[in-house]
Amino acid sequence: MPYKRALSSGKSKQLWDRLDSIWKFDGPTSEYLQKGLAIFKAQAFECTISIESLRALLASHGIRRVWQLIDVQDIEPYYEIETNLLDLQYDWDRYWTSGEFDWIIWASHEHSVTVGGWLLDSIKAAWPGWREGIWDPALD
């Protein structure tokens, strides 16, 4: 049975606060790359980086479990899940990271995937044309 543990309200708030203090998702999209983040069009991302290869990238860095947070009022609990349960969904904004907060995935309801930290470097290495997949809301 795959591992999935509900997080307490206190732990969830602690994770949100830490996530916000480290990644700060406000500001113009053009500033994201300067912060070590890139926003990709979901379709372009998933055509090149399959969910299996994304999970494998995490596993290659020793990531076995991730925190999954959903940015919807009154939706709890949030979970700690096995990496193999990670699945990009775009109904609400969903975030994944682990204890070091040195990487992030954000699947947005706007059908974009934001990636940051060392994981972005791994994505760039696996996807030579990654710049072509960048999402620019000004063009949508």
N, C-alpha and C. Protein backbone atom coordinates (compact mmCIF):
# COMPACT_ATOMS: atom_id res chain seq x y z
N MET A 1 0.84 -1.18 0.00
CA MET A 1 0.00 0.00 0.00
C MET A 1 0.89 1.24 0.00
N PRO A 2 0.69 2.17 -0.94
CA PRO A 2 1.50 3.39 -0.98
C PRO A 2 1.31 4.25 0.27
N TYR A 3 2.36 4.94 0.64
CA TYR A 3 2.35 5.78 1.84
C TYR A 3 1.65 7.10 1.57
N LYS A 4 0.68 7.43 2.43
CA LYS A 4 -0.03 8.70 2.36
C LYS A 4 -0.46 9.05 3.78
N ARG A 5 0.09 10.16 4.30
CA ARG A 5 -0.20 10.56 5.68
C ARG A 5 -0.79 11.96 5.68
N ALA A 6 -1.94 12.12 6.33
CA ALA A 6 -2.56 13.43 6.48
C ALA A 6 -1.75 14.27 7.46
N LEU A 7 -1.58 15.55 7.12
CA LEU A 7 -0.83 16.46 7.98
C LEU A 7 -1.80 17.21 8.89
N SER A 8 -1.36 17.49 10.10
CA SER A 8 -2.18 18.25 11.04
C SER A 8 -2.32 19.70 10.55
N SER A 9 -3.29 20.41 11.07
CA SER A 9 -3.47 21.82 10.73
C SER A 9 -2.23 22.63 11.08
N GLY A 10 -1.64 22.36 12.23
CA GLY A 10 -0.43 23.07 12.65
C GLY A 10 0.73 22.83 11.71
N LYS A 11 0.93 21.58 11.31
CA LYS A 11 2.00 21.24 10.37
C LYS A 11 1.74 21.88 9.01
N SER A 12 0.49 21.87 8.57
CA SER A 12 0.13 22.47 7.29
C SER A 12 0.44 23.96 7.28
N LYS A 13 0.07 24.67 8.34
CA LYS A 13 0.35 26.10 8.42
C LYS A 13 1.84 26.36 8.42
N GLN A 14 2.59 25.54 9.15
CA GLN A 14 4.04 25.68 9.19
C GLN A 14 4.64 25.51 7.79
N LEU A 15 4.15 24.53 7.04
CA LEU A 15 4.65 24.29 5.69
C LEU A 15 4.31 25.45 4.76
N TRP A 16 3.06 25.95 4.83
CA TRP A 16 2.67 27.10 4.00
C TRP A 16 3.54 28.31 4.30
N ASP A 17 3.76 28.60 5.57
CA ASP A 17 4.58 29.75 5.96
C ASP A 17 5.99 29.61 5.41
N ARG A 18 6.55 28.44 5.53
CA ARG A 18 7.92 28.21 5.05
C ARG A 18 7.99 28.28 3.53
N LEU A 19 7.01 27.69 2.88
CA LEU A 19 6.94 27.72 1.41
C LEU A 19 6.88 29.16 0.91
N ASP A 20 6.04 29.95 1.53
CA ASP A 20 5.88 31.35 1.14
C ASP A 20 7.14 32.16 1.40
N SER A 21 7.79 31.92 2.52
CA SER A 21 8.98 32.70 2.85
C SER A 21 10.16 32.36 1.94
N ILE A 22 10.23 31.13 1.46
CA ILE A 22 11.34 30.72 0.60
C ILE A 22 11.10 31.07 -0.86
N TRP A 23 9.91 30.77 -1.38
CA TRP A 23 9.68 30.88 -2.82
C TRP A 23 8.97 32.15 -3.25
N LYS A 24 8.19 32.82 -2.41
CA LYS A 24 7.54 34.09 -2.73
C LYS A 24 7.02 34.13 -4.17
N PHE A 25 5.83 33.63 -4.38
CA PHE A 25 5.27 33.52 -5.71
C PHE A 25 4.59 34.79 -6.21
N ASP A 26 4.90 35.93 -5.64
CA ASP A 26 4.31 37.17 -6.12
C ASP A 26 5.29 37.87 -7.06
N GLY A 27 4.81 38.88 -7.75
CA GLY A 27 5.66 39.63 -8.65
C GLY A 27 5.46 39.22 -10.10
N PRO A 28 6.03 40.01 -11.00
CA PRO A 28 5.88 39.70 -12.43
C PRO A 28 6.52 38.37 -12.80
N THR A 29 5.94 37.72 -13.77
CA THR A 29 6.44 36.44 -14.24
C THR A 29 7.90 36.53 -14.68
N SER A 30 8.29 37.64 -15.26
CA SER A 30 9.65 37.80 -15.76
C SER A 30 10.69 37.71 -14.64
N GLU A 31 10.28 37.96 -13.41
CA GLU A 31 11.21 37.89 -12.28
C GLU A 31 11.41 36.47 -11.77
N TYR A 32 10.58 35.54 -12.20
CA TYR A 32 10.67 34.18 -11.67
C TYR A 32 12.01 33.52 -11.97
N LEU A 33 12.51 33.67 -13.20
CA LEU A 33 13.79 33.05 -13.54
C LEU A 33 14.91 33.58 -12.67
N GLN A 34 14.83 34.85 -12.30
CA GLN A 34 15.84 35.44 -11.42
C GLN A 34 15.77 34.83 -10.02
N LYS A 35 14.61 34.33 -9.65
CA LYS A 35 14.42 33.71 -8.33
C LYS A 35 14.69 32.20 -8.37
N GLY A 36 15.10 31.69 -9.51
CA GLY A 36 15.35 30.25 -9.62
C GLY A 36 14.09 29.46 -9.91
N LEU A 37 13.08 30.11 -10.50
CA LEU A 37 11.81 29.47 -10.85
C LEU A 37 11.56 29.64 -12.34
N ALA A 38 10.87 28.71 -12.93
CA ALA A 38 10.42 28.85 -14.32
C ALA A 38 8.99 28.35 -14.40
N ILE A 39 8.17 29.08 -15.15
CA ILE A 39 6.77 28.70 -15.36
C ILE A 39 6.66 28.14 -16.77
N PHE A 40 6.18 26.90 -16.84
CA PHE A 40 6.03 26.23 -18.13
C PHE A 40 4.56 26.04 -18.46
N LYS A 41 4.25 26.02 -19.76
CA LYS A 41 2.93 25.61 -20.21
C LYS A 41 2.80 24.12 -19.88
N ALA A 42 1.72 23.76 -19.25
CA ALA A 42 1.56 22.37 -18.80
C ALA A 42 1.69 21.38 -19.94
N GLN A 43 1.07 21.66 -21.07
CA GLN A 43 1.10 20.72 -22.18
C GLN A 43 2.53 20.53 -22.70
N ALA A 44 3.27 21.61 -22.85
CA ALA A 44 4.65 21.53 -23.31
C ALA A 44 5.51 20.76 -22.31
N PHE A 45 5.30 21.05 -21.02
CA PHE A 45 6.06 20.39 -19.97
C PHE A 45 5.81 18.89 -20.00
N GLU A 46 4.54 18.51 -20.00
CA GLU A 46 4.19 17.09 -19.92
C GLU A 46 4.55 16.31 -21.19
N CYS A 47 4.62 16.99 -22.34
CA CYS A 47 5.03 16.31 -23.57
C CYS A 47 6.51 15.94 -23.53
N THR A 48 7.29 16.69 -22.76
CA THR A 48 8.73 16.45 -22.70
C THR A 48 9.15 15.75 -21.42
N ILE A 49 8.58 16.17 -20.31
CA ILE A 49 8.91 15.62 -18.99
C ILE A 49 7.70 14.82 -18.50
N SER A 50 7.72 13.54 -18.71
CA SER A 50 6.59 12.71 -18.27
C SER A 50 6.54 12.66 -16.75
N ILE A 51 5.41 12.28 -16.22
CA ILE A 51 5.27 12.16 -14.76
C ILE A 51 6.25 11.11 -14.24
N GLU A 52 6.48 10.06 -15.02
CA GLU A 52 7.42 9.02 -14.61
C GLU A 52 8.85 9.57 -14.54
N SER A 53 9.23 10.38 -15.54
CA SER A 53 10.58 10.95 -15.51
C SER A 53 10.72 11.99 -14.41
N LEU A 54 9.65 12.73 -14.11
CA LEU A 54 9.68 13.69 -13.01
C LEU A 54 9.87 12.97 -11.68
N ARG A 55 9.14 11.89 -11.49
CA ARG A 55 9.31 11.09 -10.27
C ARG A 55 10.72 10.51 -10.19
N ALA A 56 11.25 10.08 -11.34
CA ALA A 56 12.61 9.52 -11.37
C ALA A 56 13.66 10.58 -11.03
N LEU A 57 13.46 11.81 -11.49
CA LEU A 57 14.38 12.90 -11.14
C LEU A 57 14.40 13.11 -9.63
N LEU A 58 13.23 13.11 -9.03
CA LEU A 58 13.15 13.27 -7.57
C LEU A 58 13.83 12.09 -6.87
N ALA A 59 13.52 10.89 -7.32
CA ALA A 59 14.11 9.69 -6.70
C ALA A 59 15.63 9.68 -6.84
N SER A 60 16.14 10.19 -7.96
CA SER A 60 17.59 10.22 -8.16
C SER A 60 18.30 11.15 -7.18
N HIS A 61 17.55 12.04 -6.56
CA HIS A 61 18.08 12.92 -5.52
C HIS A 61 17.70 12.43 -4.12
N GLY A 62 17.24 11.19 -4.03
CA GLY A 62 16.92 10.60 -2.73
C GLY A 62 15.57 11.02 -2.17
N ILE A 63 14.74 11.66 -2.99
CA ILE A 63 13.42 12.10 -2.52
C ILE A 63 12.46 10.91 -2.62
N ARG A 64 12.02 10.42 -1.49
CA ARG A 64 11.10 9.28 -1.44
C ARG A 64 9.68 9.69 -1.05
N ARG A 65 9.58 10.79 -0.32
CA ARG A 65 8.28 11.31 0.11
C ARG A 65 8.25 12.82 -0.10
N VAL A 66 7.07 13.33 -0.43
CA VAL A 66 6.90 14.76 -0.67
C VAL A 66 5.68 15.26 0.10
N TRP A 67 5.69 16.56 0.35
CA TRP A 67 4.50 17.19 0.91
C TRP A 67 3.67 17.72 -0.24
N GLN A 68 2.38 17.46 -0.18
CA GLN A 68 1.44 17.95 -1.18
C GLN A 68 0.50 18.93 -0.49
N LEU A 69 0.52 20.17 -0.95
CA LEU A 69 -0.35 21.22 -0.42
C LEU A 69 -1.26 21.70 -1.52
N ILE A 70 -2.52 21.92 -1.20
CA ILE A 70 -3.50 22.38 -2.18
C ILE A 70 -3.99 23.75 -1.72
N ASP A 71 -3.90 24.72 -2.62
CA ASP A 71 -4.26 26.09 -2.29
C ASP A 71 -5.74 26.35 -2.53
N VAL A 72 -6.56 25.77 -1.66
CA VAL A 72 -8.00 25.97 -1.71
C VAL A 72 -8.48 26.18 -0.28
N GLN A 73 -9.22 27.24 -0.08
CA GLN A 73 -9.75 27.53 1.24
C GLN A 73 -10.56 26.33 1.76
N ASP A 74 -10.34 26.00 2.98
CA ASP A 74 -11.10 24.96 3.68
C ASP A 74 -10.87 23.55 3.14
N ILE A 75 -9.82 23.34 2.36
CA ILE A 75 -9.49 21.98 1.93
C ILE A 75 -8.36 21.49 2.83
N GLU A 76 -8.64 20.55 3.64
CA GLU A 76 -7.65 19.90 4.47
C GLU A 76 -8.10 18.47 4.61
N PRO A 77 -7.29 17.56 4.92
CA PRO A 77 -5.89 17.74 5.27
C PRO A 77 -5.02 17.78 4.02
N TYR A 78 -3.81 18.24 4.22
CA TYR A 78 -2.76 18.14 3.22
C TYR A 78 -2.01 16.85 3.55
N TYR A 79 -1.14 16.44 2.64
CA TYR A 79 -0.56 15.11 2.81
C TYR A 79 0.96 15.08 2.64
N GLU A 80 1.55 14.11 3.29
CA GLU A 80 2.87 13.64 2.96
C GLU A 80 2.63 12.35 2.19
N ILE A 81 3.18 12.26 0.98
CA ILE A 81 2.91 11.11 0.12
C ILE A 81 4.22 10.55 -0.43
N GLU A 82 4.17 9.30 -0.84
CA GLU A 82 5.29 8.71 -1.56
C GLU A 82 5.44 9.44 -2.88
N THR A 83 6.66 9.58 -3.33
CA THR A 83 6.94 10.28 -4.58
C THR A 83 6.18 9.65 -5.75
N ASN A 84 6.01 8.34 -5.72
CA ASN A 84 5.32 7.70 -6.85
C ASN A 84 3.82 8.01 -6.90
N LEU A 85 3.27 8.70 -5.88
CA LEU A 85 1.88 9.14 -5.91
C LEU A 85 1.74 10.56 -6.48
N LEU A 86 2.86 11.25 -6.64
CA LEU A 86 2.82 12.60 -7.19
C LEU A 86 2.23 12.56 -8.58
N ASP A 87 1.21 13.39 -8.81
CA ASP A 87 0.55 13.46 -10.10
C ASP A 87 0.12 14.89 -10.34
N LEU A 88 0.56 15.47 -11.45
CA LEU A 88 0.22 16.85 -11.74
C LEU A 88 -1.26 16.93 -12.12
N GLN A 89 -1.98 17.77 -11.39
CA GLN A 89 -3.40 18.01 -11.65
C GLN A 89 -3.59 19.51 -11.67
N TYR A 90 -4.59 19.97 -12.44
CA TYR A 90 -4.75 21.40 -12.65
C TYR A 90 -6.12 21.93 -12.24
N ASP A 91 -6.82 21.19 -11.37
CA ASP A 91 -8.12 21.67 -10.92
C ASP A 91 -7.98 22.82 -9.92
N TRP A 92 -6.98 22.74 -9.05
CA TRP A 92 -6.63 23.78 -8.10
C TRP A 92 -5.13 23.94 -8.13
N ASP A 93 -4.62 24.94 -7.46
CA ASP A 93 -3.16 25.08 -7.37
C ASP A 93 -2.65 24.06 -6.36
N ARG A 94 -1.72 23.24 -6.81
CA ARG A 94 -1.13 22.20 -5.97
C ARG A 94 0.38 22.40 -5.94
N TYR A 95 0.95 22.19 -4.77
CA TYR A 95 2.38 22.39 -4.56
C TYR A 95 2.98 21.12 -3.98
N TRP A 96 4.21 20.83 -4.41
CA TRP A 96 4.95 19.71 -3.86
C TRP A 96 6.36 20.17 -3.53
N THR A 97 6.87 19.73 -2.41
CA THR A 97 8.25 19.95 -2.00
C THR A 97 8.58 18.91 -0.95
N SER A 98 9.78 19.00 -0.42
CA SER A 98 10.16 18.09 0.67
C SER A 98 10.87 18.88 1.75
N GLY A 99 11.36 18.20 2.76
CA GLY A 99 11.87 18.82 3.99
C GLY A 99 12.89 19.92 3.85
N GLU A 100 13.71 19.88 2.82
CA GLU A 100 14.75 20.90 2.65
C GLU A 100 14.22 22.16 1.98
N PHE A 101 13.07 22.08 1.34
CA PHE A 101 12.49 23.20 0.59
C PHE A 101 13.45 23.72 -0.47
N ASP A 102 14.32 22.85 -0.99
CA ASP A 102 15.30 23.27 -1.97
C ASP A 102 14.84 22.98 -3.41
N TRP A 103 13.60 22.60 -3.56
CA TRP A 103 12.96 22.42 -4.86
C TRP A 103 11.46 22.60 -4.67
N ILE A 104 10.78 22.88 -5.76
CA ILE A 104 9.32 23.06 -5.71
C ILE A 104 8.72 22.70 -7.07
N ILE A 105 7.51 22.18 -7.01
CA ILE A 105 6.66 22.03 -8.19
C ILE A 105 5.33 22.67 -7.83
N TRP A 106 4.81 23.47 -8.72
CA TRP A 106 3.51 24.12 -8.53
C TRP A 106 2.70 23.90 -9.80
N ALA A 107 1.66 23.08 -9.73
CA ALA A 107 0.74 22.88 -10.85
C ALA A 107 -0.44 23.81 -10.64
N SER A 108 -0.63 24.73 -11.56
CA SER A 108 -1.62 25.78 -11.40
C SER A 108 -2.93 25.45 -12.12
N HIS A 109 -4.02 26.00 -11.60
CA HIS A 109 -5.32 25.88 -12.26
C HIS A 109 -5.30 26.57 -13.63
N GLU A 110 -4.28 27.37 -13.90
CA GLU A 110 -4.14 28.04 -15.20
C GLU A 110 -3.38 27.16 -16.20
N HIS A 111 -3.22 25.91 -15.87
CA HIS A 111 -2.53 24.93 -16.72
C HIS A 111 -1.07 25.33 -16.99
N SER A 112 -0.40 25.64 -15.89
CA SER A 112 1.03 25.90 -15.95
C SER A 112 1.70 25.07 -14.86
N VAL A 113 2.99 24.83 -15.05
CA VAL A 113 3.79 24.10 -14.08
C VAL A 113 4.99 24.97 -13.75
N THR A 114 5.10 25.37 -12.50
CA THR A 114 6.24 26.15 -12.05
C THR A 114 7.19 25.19 -11.34
N VAL A 115 8.47 25.29 -11.69
CA VAL A 115 9.49 24.43 -11.10
C VAL A 115 10.61 25.33 -10.59
N GLY A 116 11.17 24.96 -9.43
CA GLY A 116 12.25 25.76 -8.88
C GLY A 116 13.29 24.92 -8.17
N GLY A 117 14.42 25.57 -7.87
CA GLY A 117 15.51 24.94 -7.14
C GLY A 117 16.30 24.00 -8.01
N TRP A 118 16.95 23.03 -7.37
CA TRP A 118 17.78 22.08 -8.11
C TRP A 118 16.97 21.30 -9.14
N LEU A 119 15.66 21.15 -8.88
CA LEU A 119 14.83 20.41 -9.83
C LEU A 119 14.75 21.14 -11.17
N LEU A 120 14.73 22.47 -11.13
CA LEU A 120 14.72 23.23 -12.38
C LEU A 120 15.99 22.96 -13.18
N ASP A 121 17.12 22.90 -12.51
CA ASP A 121 18.38 22.58 -13.21
C ASP A 121 18.30 21.21 -13.86
N SER A 122 17.71 20.25 -13.17
CA SER A 122 17.55 18.90 -13.71
C SER A 122 16.61 18.89 -14.91
N ILE A 123 15.53 19.68 -14.83
CA ILE A 123 14.57 19.79 -15.94
C ILE A 123 15.27 20.39 -17.16
N LYS A 124 16.02 21.46 -16.94
CA LYS A 124 16.74 22.10 -18.05
C LYS A 124 17.71 21.13 -18.71
N ALA A 125 18.39 20.32 -17.92
CA ALA A 125 19.34 19.34 -18.47
C ALA A 125 18.62 18.27 -19.29
N ALA A 126 17.42 17.88 -18.86
CA ALA A 126 16.66 16.85 -19.55
C ALA A 126 15.88 17.38 -20.75
N TRP A 127 15.73 18.71 -20.83
CA TRP A 127 14.89 19.34 -21.85
C TRP A 127 15.66 20.49 -22.50
N PRO A 128 16.49 20.20 -23.50
CA PRO A 128 17.30 21.24 -24.11
C PRO A 128 16.50 22.44 -24.63
N GLY A 129 15.28 22.24 -25.09
CA GLY A 129 14.44 23.33 -25.60
C GLY A 129 13.50 23.91 -24.57
N TRP A 130 13.88 23.86 -23.30
CA TRP A 130 12.98 24.27 -22.21
C TRP A 130 12.46 25.69 -22.37
N ARG A 131 13.24 26.58 -22.93
CA ARG A 131 12.80 27.98 -23.09
C ARG A 131 11.56 28.08 -23.98
N GLU A 132 11.40 27.18 -24.90
CA GLU A 132 10.22 27.18 -25.78
C GLU A 132 8.95 26.82 -25.02
N GLY A 133 9.09 26.18 -23.87
CA GLY A 133 7.93 25.78 -23.09
C GLY A 133 7.53 26.79 -22.02
N ILE A 134 8.25 27.90 -21.92
CA ILE A 134 7.96 28.90 -20.89
C ILE A 134 6.57 29.50 -21.14
N TRP A 135 5.82 29.65 -20.09
CA TRP A 135 4.48 30.23 -20.13
C TRP A 135 4.58 31.72 -19.85
N ASP A 136 3.97 32.50 -20.71
CA ASP A 136 3.94 33.95 -20.52
C ASP A 136 2.47 34.38 -20.52
N PRO A 137 1.97 34.77 -19.34
CA PRO A 137 0.54 35.14 -19.27
C PRO A 137 0.20 36.34 -20.14
N ALA A 138 1.17 37.15 -20.47
CA ALA A 138 0.91 38.31 -21.35
C ALA A 138 0.52 37.87 -22.75
N LEU A 139 0.93 36.67 -23.13
CA LEU A 139 0.62 36.17 -24.47
C LEU A 139 -0.66 35.36 -24.52
N ASP A 140 -1.21 35.01 -23.38
CA ASP A 140 -2.45 34.21 -23.34
C ASP A 140 -3.68 35.10 -23.35
